[in-house]
Structures are given as structure tokens and as C-alpha cells.
Amino acid sequence: MTQKTFNRAFQEVHSHLLESPAGFIPEFQHKLLDNVIWIYLIAFIPAVIGSLTRITTTGWLPVYLLHITFPALLLTIFLLKSFVPYHWKVIVLIAIFYFISLAGMVTFGNLSSYNVFFGLSVTVCVIFFSLKASLWLIAFIILTQLSFAYSYGQTDSLMIKIISQNAQTLVWMNLTSFIAAVATSSLGIGWLYHSLKASLESLKVKNEQLEQAKAELTRLATTDPLTQLPNRRGLLKFSENAMAQYQRHHRPFCVLMLDIDHFKQVNDTLGHEAGDKVLADVARVLSLQVREYEIAARFGGEEFVLIAIDSSLLQGEKIAERVRAAVEEKNISFQSQSLSVTCSIGISTITPADTSFEQVLKRADLGVYQAKANGRNRVELYEDNSKQ
């Protein structure tokens, strides 16, 4: 049961991270840092109260001053968090933990060298900066401790009066082991944190690349490479939505099927390169005749199909006539020649009796045959469709 719960939670987090925007992890770090500052502001309250009460009996000590100064500094940063740069917040937090430990060592001697704030400064550095920066900080902390150990070993300090030299050395060794353990733990946590962060960012990048590749494959699968218009697959995919819109919201549409007249003759006399030029130029003409929510597609060979949304049969006839005239007027430059072509167009519209797009398309195709039979370069409405 526990394993299932964990797996489900992991999948939810994984899904959330993949769907989150690119700046999710840095944004999370900023929010986490602000929360950490807020937590330590609250944690410092007992120290502030304790220091203020002790001042009356013991007088000012460096550690008391720090207990009051550092919370005030944290409060200032927290109130101005929108204006203080991220890195400065981290530096101040690390410095506060470091100097608290330093003040403890000055006040109480090597006995306080294992102060947990040293470990906290390393942990903050690992999480909010980097592993490399934390290694430098650990080296600096150890150097600080060694310097104090040497200093207390050479001077007549309060610690030497209380503890014998041998005992002091043993205490130093034990406490150094403790700080080493804290540092090691911090490094381990930091290493895991940064590894997870890098893995998540890498996973997100790869997921975005995969989605882009998927979108590109879909585009290639539904696009005609010569004309850059949608191909038959792209047309049929668009028609599914058009049919659904008609069935749910009664949005009518017209289908125009266009066939270039005498196209075989162009290929036979001038070659397939000329034929490709004709197809590409006609495709550009057609793409200018449709609105952004409509489609002009290459159906195959020299056949093209247009779907005009929110158009009746009469409106479709006007659109088809405009398309026919635009194709006829198009001047196609090929090598040193100027070519012109005409087209025959059949029109059909969706009716309540239609259960599939293919039925509408079939009537438009029959309209093309009528246009060819009646002399080409003309628009024909399929007669049976007009009676429905």
C-alpha cells in the first residue's frame, strides 16, 4: 500500500514538473529562500528576548549584539525581498550563520566550534548556490576552527583555565569529527539535491525536444512537401472538426474541388519541373483565397480541395468563381517562359443527410466532372446536391 502511494505521488510530481514552465525550479528556489529567511526570523525571537534580558545583568557581550543585529538584518531583507537580488540574500544568510558560530567560538572557546550554525551555513550554500561553493566554504570553516584551536593552545584563555591541555585537545578532535560529519551530511544532501535538479532540468529539456519532434513529425505527415499545403491526411483531419462543428453547432461548410485543366499536357511538353512550378504557384494562389480558420489542401496530383466554413452553396459558388479567376490570371514564370493555366471547380455543401465528409467530397468531385464535360475553366454545382 505504501509503495503504491509513493509511486502515485512520484508520478504526480513528475507530471507536474514536466508540465511546469521552464523557470519553475529557479522560481521554487527563490520561494524556498524567502521561506527559510522567514523561519529563521521566527527562530531568532527567543535569542533576541534572552539577550535583552541578560544585558541588564551581564552587560553587553558580542554574542548578544549579534543576536539582535542579525534578526534585524534578516527582517530588512525579508521586507525588501522584491528588491534584494537572490544571490545577496543567500550571501547574507550564510554570513549570519558563519558569524554566529564565530561569535560563539570567541565567547565560549573551542567547545562551541561544533556549532550547528556552521553546518547550516554549508547546507544553505549547497542548496541555494552550488556544490563547488560549499566545498570552499567548508575549507574556510575548517581553517577558522584550526586557527582558533591553535590560538587557544598558545594563550592563557578561559578554556585552558577550565579544561586541561590534553582534555582540550580531545574535545577539539571530537568536535572536529562532529563538524566533519555535519559537513559530509550537508554535502550528501547537496549532491542529491543538485543531481535531482540537473536530472529534472535535463528531463524537461528532453521532453520539450520530444514534443517539438512530435509536432514536426505531425506537420510533415500532414503537409505536402512540394506545395507546403496540407495533404490529404491534413485535409481529412481538418474535415473531422468541420463535421463535428456542423453536427453540434450547425455550422455549415462548402467543399470546393479544383482540378488544373490540361495539366498532363504541361508535364508532357515542358517536363515535370514545369509541372511542379505550376502546382506550387497554383497552391500559393489558393492559400490566399482562404481565411485563417479554413483550409486549402492538395488532394493528390493536380487536384486541390478548399473547405469554406460558414458558407452556403450560393456563397461557395462566389468563392469558387473568385478562385477560378485568380488561377486564370496568375502569370507563372518558368525559365524564360510565361505560363498560364485554368482550372475546373466542383462545389458541394454539407446537408443533414450527410453522415461523413466523404459524401460531401464525392459530390464536389462529380461537380468537377461536370465542369470538365461542359468545357473546362468553369464552376459547377452538382445538381443532385442542390435538390437536397
Protein backbone atom coordinates (compact mmCIF):
# COMPACT_ATOMS: atom_id res chain seq x y z
CA MET A 1 0.00 0.00 0.00
CA THR A 2 2.82 2.42 0.94
CA GLN A 3 4.68 1.60 -2.26
CA LYS A 4 1.59 2.28 -4.37
CA THR A 5 1.03 5.61 -2.62
CA PHE A 6 4.67 6.59 -3.16
CA ASN A 7 4.53 5.63 -6.85
CA ARG A 8 1.33 7.59 -7.37
CA ALA A 9 2.81 10.66 -5.65
CA PHE A 10 6.00 10.35 -7.71
CA GLN A 11 4.02 10.21 -10.96
CA GLU A 12 2.02 13.29 -9.97
CA VAL A 13 5.18 15.26 -9.11
CA HIS A 14 6.88 14.04 -12.29
CA SER A 15 3.88 15.08 -14.39
CA HIS A 16 3.70 18.47 -12.65
CA LEU A 17 7.39 19.16 -13.28
CA LEU A 18 7.11 18.26 -16.96
CA GLU A 19 4.08 20.49 -17.43
CA SER A 20 5.54 23.37 -15.44
CA PRO A 21 7.15 26.33 -17.23
CA ALA A 22 10.88 26.45 -17.89
CA GLY A 23 11.58 28.76 -14.92
CA PHE A 24 9.83 26.52 -12.39
CA ILE A 25 12.98 25.32 -10.50
CA PRO A 26 14.60 28.81 -10.13
CA GLU A 27 11.23 30.19 -9.02
CA PHE A 28 10.95 27.37 -6.48
CA GLN A 29 14.44 28.22 -5.14
CA HIS A 30 13.51 31.88 -4.69
CA LYS A 31 10.32 31.00 -2.78
CA LEU A 32 12.19 28.44 -0.65
CA LEU A 33 14.86 31.02 0.23
CA ASP A 34 12.24 33.57 1.31
CA ASN A 35 10.57 30.92 3.48
CA VAL A 36 13.91 29.96 5.06
CA ILE A 37 14.57 33.62 5.92
CA TRP A 38 11.08 33.86 7.45
CA ILE A 39 11.60 30.69 9.51
CA TYR A 40 14.90 31.93 10.96
CA LEU A 41 13.35 35.30 11.72
CA ILE A 42 10.89 33.48 13.96
CA ALA A 43 13.62 31.22 15.37
CA PHE A 44 15.70 34.25 16.39
CA ILE A 45 12.91 35.74 18.55
CA PRO A 46 13.85 33.73 21.72
CA ALA A 47 17.51 34.70 21.25
CA VAL A 48 16.59 38.39 20.97
CA ILE A 49 14.40 38.25 24.07
CA GLY A 50 17.05 36.29 26.01
CA SER A 51 19.83 38.68 25.02
CA LEU A 52 17.83 41.76 26.00
CA THR A 53 17.09 40.32 29.45
CA ARG A 54 20.70 39.23 30.06
CA ILE A 55 22.13 42.64 29.12
CA THR A 56 20.81 44.09 32.36
CA THR A 57 22.74 41.58 34.45
CA THR A 58 25.87 40.69 32.46
CA GLY A 59 26.31 43.78 30.29
CA TRP A 60 26.96 43.83 26.58
CA LEU A 61 28.66 40.80 25.05
CA PRO A 62 29.45 40.34 21.33
CA VAL A 63 27.08 37.40 21.06
CA TYR A 64 24.17 39.49 22.43
CA LEU A 65 24.80 42.20 19.88
CA LEU A 66 24.74 39.59 17.14
CA HIS A 67 21.50 38.10 18.48
CA ILE A 68 19.86 41.50 17.94
CA THR A 69 21.69 42.72 14.80
CA PHE A 70 21.24 39.59 12.68
CA PRO A 71 17.45 39.29 13.10
CA ALA A 72 17.16 42.99 12.26
CA LEU A 73 19.21 42.35 9.11
CA LEU A 74 17.06 39.34 8.19
CA LEU A 75 13.89 41.36 8.77
CA THR A 76 15.18 44.11 6.48
CA ILE A 77 15.97 41.61 3.73
CA PHE A 78 12.61 39.92 4.13
CA LEU A 79 10.70 43.20 3.90
CA LEU A 80 12.73 44.24 0.86
CA LYS A 81 12.80 40.76 -0.71
CA SER A 82 11.43 42.04 -4.01
CA PHE A 83 14.37 44.45 -4.35
CA VAL A 84 17.26 42.42 -2.90
CA PRO A 85 18.94 40.16 -5.52
CA TYR A 86 18.74 36.42 -4.94
CA HIS A 87 22.50 35.94 -4.52
CA TRP A 88 22.77 38.70 -1.92
CA LYS A 89 20.04 37.08 0.16
CA VAL A 90 21.99 33.80 0.14
CA ILE A 91 25.30 35.50 0.97
CA VAL A 92 23.76 37.37 3.92
CA LEU A 93 22.13 34.20 5.29
CA ILE A 94 25.39 32.23 5.02
CA ALA A 95 27.34 35.10 6.61
CA ILE A 96 24.88 35.31 9.53
CA PHE A 97 25.23 31.59 10.30
CA TYR A 98 29.01 31.77 9.96
CA PHE A 99 29.45 34.82 12.22
CA ILE A 100 27.08 33.41 14.85
CA SER A 101 29.35 30.35 15.06
CA LEU A 102 32.40 32.59 15.05
CA ALA A 103 30.98 34.69 17.88
CA GLY A 104 30.26 31.53 19.85
CA MET A 105 33.87 30.39 19.47
CA VAL A 106 35.17 33.82 20.55
CA THR A 107 32.89 33.83 23.57
CA PHE A 108 33.00 30.20 24.69
CA GLY A 109 36.14 28.79 23.06
CA ASN A 110 36.68 25.65 21.03
CA LEU A 111 33.84 23.96 22.88
CA SER A 112 31.43 25.79 20.56
CA SER A 113 33.38 25.05 17.36
CA TYR A 114 30.87 22.33 16.51
CA ASN A 115 28.09 24.96 16.50
CA VAL A 116 25.26 23.73 14.29
CA PHE A 117 25.20 27.11 12.51
CA PHE A 118 28.42 26.14 10.75
CA GLY A 119 26.56 23.15 9.33
CA LEU A 120 23.58 25.35 8.44
CA SER A 121 25.79 27.77 6.52
CA VAL A 122 27.12 24.85 4.46
CA THR A 123 23.62 23.46 3.86
CA VAL A 124 22.32 26.86 2.70
CA CYS A 125 25.33 27.24 0.41
CA VAL A 126 24.77 23.79 -1.15
CA ILE A 127 21.05 24.29 -1.75
CA PHE A 128 21.00 27.91 -2.90
CA PHE A 129 24.43 28.25 -4.51
CA SER A 130 26.39 25.24 -5.69
CA LEU A 131 28.38 22.22 -4.55
CA LYS A 132 31.65 23.89 -5.54
CA ALA A 133 30.89 26.98 -3.44
CA SER A 134 30.03 24.78 -0.44
CA LEU A 135 33.41 22.99 -0.71
CA TRP A 136 35.18 26.34 -0.48
CA LEU A 137 33.02 27.30 2.49
CA ILE A 138 33.81 24.02 4.31
CA ALA A 139 37.52 24.59 3.74
CA PHE A 140 37.18 28.12 5.12
CA ILE A 141 35.23 26.87 8.18
CA ILE A 142 37.85 24.20 8.92
CA LEU A 143 40.60 26.81 8.54
CA THR A 144 38.73 29.02 11.01
CA GLN A 145 38.47 26.17 13.53
CA LEU A 146 42.13 25.23 13.16
CA SER A 147 43.13 28.87 13.70
CA PHE A 148 41.07 29.05 16.89
CA ALA A 149 42.41 25.71 18.09
CA TYR A 150 45.96 26.96 17.62
CA SER A 151 45.14 30.29 19.25
CA TYR A 152 43.62 28.64 22.33
CA GLY A 153 46.54 26.27 22.52
CA GLN A 154 49.03 29.14 22.67
CA THR A 155 47.30 31.62 25.00
CA ASP A 156 46.14 31.62 28.58
CA SER A 157 42.44 31.56 27.83
CA LEU A 158 39.37 30.82 29.87
CA MET A 159 39.14 27.41 28.20
CA ILE A 160 42.67 26.50 29.31
CA LYS A 161 41.83 27.51 32.87
CA ILE A 162 38.75 25.32 32.91
CA ILE A 163 39.99 22.33 30.90
CA SER A 164 43.42 20.78 30.88
CA GLN A 165 45.50 20.93 27.71
CA ASN A 166 45.05 17.21 26.99
CA ALA A 167 41.34 17.33 27.59
CA GLN A 168 41.11 20.38 25.35
CA THR A 169 42.86 18.50 22.53
CA LEU A 170 40.48 15.57 22.88
CA VAL A 171 37.50 17.91 22.87
CA TRP A 172 38.87 19.57 19.72
CA MET A 173 39.34 16.21 17.98
CA ASN A 174 35.85 15.02 18.90
CA LEU A 175 34.22 18.26 17.87
CA THR A 176 36.19 18.38 14.61
CA SER A 177 34.87 14.90 13.84
CA PHE A 178 31.39 16.18 14.56
CA ILE A 179 31.71 19.14 12.18
CA ALA A 180 33.18 16.81 9.56
CA ALA A 181 30.13 14.58 9.90
CA VAL A 182 27.83 17.60 9.54
CA ALA A 183 29.79 18.76 6.50
CA THR A 184 29.66 15.29 4.94
CA SER A 185 25.93 15.06 5.52
CA SER A 186 25.44 18.52 4.04
CA LEU A 187 27.48 17.58 1.01
CA GLY A 188 25.48 14.40 0.58
CA ILE A 189 22.20 16.31 0.77
CA GLY A 190 23.54 18.95 -1.58
CA TRP A 191 24.85 16.41 -4.04
CA LEU A 192 21.48 14.66 -4.14
CA TYR A 193 19.65 17.97 -4.46
CA HIS A 194 21.75 19.21 -7.36
CA SER A 195 21.69 15.81 -9.06
CA LEU A 196 17.90 15.78 -8.83
CA LYS A 197 17.72 19.36 -10.08
CA ALA A 198 20.01 18.60 -13.03
CA SER A 199 18.07 15.43 -13.84
CA LEU A 200 14.73 17.24 -13.75
CA GLU A 201 16.01 20.07 -15.93
CA SER A 202 17.52 17.56 -18.36
CA LEU A 203 14.28 15.59 -18.38
CA LYS A 204 12.28 18.75 -19.03
CA VAL A 205 14.55 19.76 -21.92
CA LYS A 206 14.35 16.30 -23.44
CA ASN A 207 10.58 16.28 -23.01
CA GLU A 208 10.33 19.64 -24.78
CA GLN A 209 12.58 18.34 -27.56
CA LEU A 210 10.42 15.24 -27.84
CA GLU A 211 7.25 17.35 -28.06
CA GLN A 212 8.87 19.54 -30.73
CA ALA A 213 9.98 16.47 -32.70
CA LYS A 214 6.49 15.00 -32.35
CA ALA A 215 4.92 18.24 -33.60
CA GLU A 216 7.36 18.35 -36.51
CA LEU A 217 6.60 14.74 -37.44
CA THR A 218 2.88 15.51 -37.33
CA ARG A 219 3.45 18.54 -39.55
CA LEU A 220 5.49 16.52 -42.03
CA ALA A 221 2.90 13.76 -42.06
CA THR A 222 0.10 16.21 -42.87
CA THR A 223 1.94 18.60 -45.24
CA ASP A 224 2.59 18.26 -48.96
CA PRO A 225 6.34 18.85 -49.46
CA LEU A 226 6.00 20.47 -52.90
CA THR A 227 3.24 23.00 -52.27
CA GLN A 228 3.55 23.26 -48.45
CA LEU A 229 -0.23 22.96 -48.27
CA PRO A 230 -1.88 20.33 -46.08
CA ASN A 231 -2.01 16.97 -47.83
CA ARG A 232 -4.94 14.55 -47.98
CA ARG A 233 -4.30 13.39 -44.41
CA GLY A 234 -4.24 17.00 -43.19
CA LEU A 235 -7.47 17.70 -45.09
CA LEU A 236 -9.28 14.71 -43.60
CA LYS A 237 -8.10 15.69 -40.11
CA PHE A 238 -9.49 19.19 -40.64
CA SER A 239 -12.74 17.75 -42.03
CA GLU A 240 -13.32 15.80 -38.80
CA ASN A 241 -13.51 19.07 -36.88
CA ALA A 242 -15.70 20.67 -39.57
CA MET A 243 -18.13 17.73 -39.40
CA ALA A 244 -18.21 17.90 -35.59
CA GLN A 245 -18.92 21.64 -35.68
CA TYR A 246 -21.79 21.06 -38.11
CA GLN A 247 -23.31 18.23 -36.07
CA ARG A 248 -23.03 20.07 -32.73
CA HIS A 249 -23.49 23.72 -33.66
CA HIS A 250 -24.97 23.51 -37.20
CA ARG A 251 -22.09 25.43 -38.74
CA PRO A 252 -22.38 24.82 -42.50
CA PHE A 253 -19.41 24.48 -44.82
CA CYS A 254 -18.79 24.25 -48.55
CA VAL A 255 -16.32 21.96 -50.30
CA LEU A 256 -14.59 23.14 -53.48
CA MET A 257 -12.65 20.58 -55.50
CA LEU A 258 -10.31 22.08 -58.09
CA ASP A 259 -8.59 20.29 -60.97
CA ILE A 260 -5.97 22.04 -63.16
CA ASP A 261 -7.02 21.83 -66.83
CA HIS A 262 -4.68 20.08 -69.29
CA PHE A 263 -2.05 19.58 -66.61
CA LYS A 264 -0.77 16.41 -68.29
CA GLN A 265 -0.02 18.45 -71.36
CA VAL A 266 2.22 20.78 -69.30
CA ASN A 267 4.17 17.79 -67.98
CA ASP A 268 4.44 16.17 -71.42
CA THR A 269 5.59 19.28 -73.29
CA LEU A 270 7.67 21.16 -70.71
CA GLY A 271 8.62 18.43 -68.27
CA HIS A 272 7.82 17.61 -64.67
CA GLU A 273 9.85 20.54 -63.37
CA ALA A 274 7.42 22.89 -65.12
CA GLY A 275 4.53 20.86 -63.75
CA ASP A 276 5.90 21.24 -60.22
CA LYS A 277 6.22 25.01 -60.75
CA VAL A 278 2.59 25.19 -61.87
CA LEU A 279 1.42 23.21 -58.82
CA ALA A 280 3.43 25.38 -56.41
CA ASP A 281 2.18 28.65 -57.91
CA VAL A 282 -1.46 27.50 -58.00
CA ALA A 283 -1.09 26.42 -54.36
CA ARG A 284 0.09 29.93 -53.43
CA VAL A 285 -2.95 31.41 -55.17
CA LEU A 286 -5.28 29.08 -53.27
CA SER A 287 -3.66 29.79 -49.90
CA LEU A 288 -4.51 33.47 -50.36
CA GLN A 289 -8.17 32.68 -51.02
CA VAL A 290 -8.97 31.04 -47.67
CA ARG A 291 -9.44 32.58 -44.23
CA GLU A 292 -7.23 31.55 -41.29
CA TYR A 293 -9.85 29.11 -39.95
CA GLU A 294 -10.38 27.44 -43.36
CA ILE A 295 -8.18 25.14 -45.40
CA ALA A 296 -6.75 24.75 -48.87
CA ALA A 297 -5.14 21.35 -49.40
CA ARG A 298 -3.51 19.34 -52.15
CA PHE A 299 -5.69 16.29 -52.54
CA GLY A 300 -3.43 14.48 -54.99
CA GLY A 301 -1.87 15.01 -58.43
CA GLU A 302 -3.29 18.24 -59.86
CA GLU A 303 -6.35 18.19 -57.58
CA PHE A 304 -6.88 20.63 -54.71
CA VAL A 305 -9.66 20.93 -52.14
CA LEU A 306 -10.86 24.01 -50.25
CA ILE A 307 -13.24 23.97 -47.29
CA ALA A 308 -15.12 27.25 -46.77
CA ILE A 309 -16.58 27.46 -43.26
CA ASP A 310 -19.95 29.16 -42.60
CA SER A 311 -20.71 29.21 -46.33
CA SER A 312 -23.88 28.22 -48.15
CA LEU A 313 -23.90 26.70 -51.63
CA LEU A 314 -24.51 30.11 -53.16
CA GLN A 315 -21.67 31.69 -51.18
CA GLY A 316 -19.47 28.76 -52.16
CA GLU A 317 -20.20 29.45 -55.81
CA LYS A 318 -18.96 33.04 -55.42
CA ILE A 319 -15.80 31.85 -53.67
CA ALA A 320 -15.18 29.25 -56.38
CA GLU A 321 -15.60 31.85 -59.14
CA ARG A 322 -13.12 34.13 -57.37
CA VAL A 323 -10.64 31.24 -57.08
CA ARG A 324 -11.09 30.26 -60.74
CA ALA A 325 -10.44 33.82 -61.90
CA ALA A 326 -7.34 34.16 -59.66
CA VAL A 327 -5.85 30.96 -61.10
CA GLU A 328 -6.56 32.05 -64.66
CA GLU A 329 -4.97 35.45 -64.10
CA LYS A 330 -1.85 34.03 -62.44
CA ASN A 331 1.29 34.53 -64.52
CA ILE A 332 3.60 31.55 -63.92
CA SER A 333 7.26 32.17 -64.76
CA PHE A 334 9.22 29.09 -65.75
CA GLN A 335 12.75 29.54 -67.01
CA SER A 336 12.34 32.07 -69.87
CA GLN A 337 8.68 31.28 -70.46
CA SER A 338 5.46 32.70 -69.09
CA LEU A 339 2.76 30.11 -68.45
CA SER A 340 -0.89 30.34 -67.56
CA VAL A 341 -3.35 27.64 -66.64
CA THR A 342 -7.07 27.34 -65.96
CA CYS A 343 -9.00 25.08 -63.61
CA SER A 344 -12.35 23.34 -63.29
CA ILE A 345 -14.11 23.52 -59.93
CA GLY A 346 -16.91 21.42 -58.45
CA ILE A 347 -18.89 22.61 -55.42
CA SER A 348 -20.84 20.78 -52.76
CA THR A 349 -22.18 21.70 -49.34
CA ILE A 350 -22.93 19.73 -46.19
CA THR A 351 -26.57 18.60 -45.74
CA PRO A 352 -28.44 17.00 -42.82
CA ALA A 353 -28.43 13.73 -44.75
CA ASP A 354 -24.62 13.56 -44.80
CA THR A 355 -23.04 11.27 -42.22
CA SER A 356 -19.45 11.59 -43.45
CA PHE A 357 -17.18 14.12 -45.13
CA GLU A 358 -16.55 11.68 -47.96
CA GLN A 359 -20.17 12.06 -49.10
CA VAL A 360 -19.75 15.82 -49.44
CA LEU A 361 -16.39 15.40 -51.16
CA LYS A 362 -17.83 12.88 -53.62
CA ARG A 363 -20.44 15.37 -54.80
CA ALA A 364 -17.78 18.04 -55.28
CA ASP A 365 -15.77 15.54 -57.35
CA LEU A 366 -18.81 14.89 -59.54
CA GLY A 367 -19.10 18.65 -59.97
CA VAL A 368 -15.53 18.69 -61.33
CA TYR A 369 -16.52 16.04 -63.91
CA GLN A 370 -19.48 18.21 -64.96
CA ALA A 371 -17.20 21.26 -65.33
CA LYS A 372 -14.77 19.25 -67.48
CA ALA A 373 -17.63 17.93 -69.62
CA ASN A 374 -19.05 21.44 -70.10
CA GLY A 375 -15.84 22.93 -71.48
CA ARG A 376 -13.41 23.37 -68.52
CA ASN A 377 -12.36 26.62 -66.82
CA ARG A 378 -15.71 26.86 -65.10
CA VAL A 379 -17.51 26.27 -61.82
CA GLU A 380 -20.25 23.64 -61.47
CA LEU A 381 -22.64 22.88 -58.63
CA TYR A 382 -23.52 19.23 -58.52
CA GLU A 383 -27.21 19.17 -59.47
CA ASP A 384 -28.36 16.38 -57.13
CA ASN A 385 -26.92 18.29 -54.16
CA SER A 386 -28.95 21.40 -54.92
CA LYS A 387 -32.17 19.43 -54.66
CA GLN A 388 -31.47 18.11 -51.16
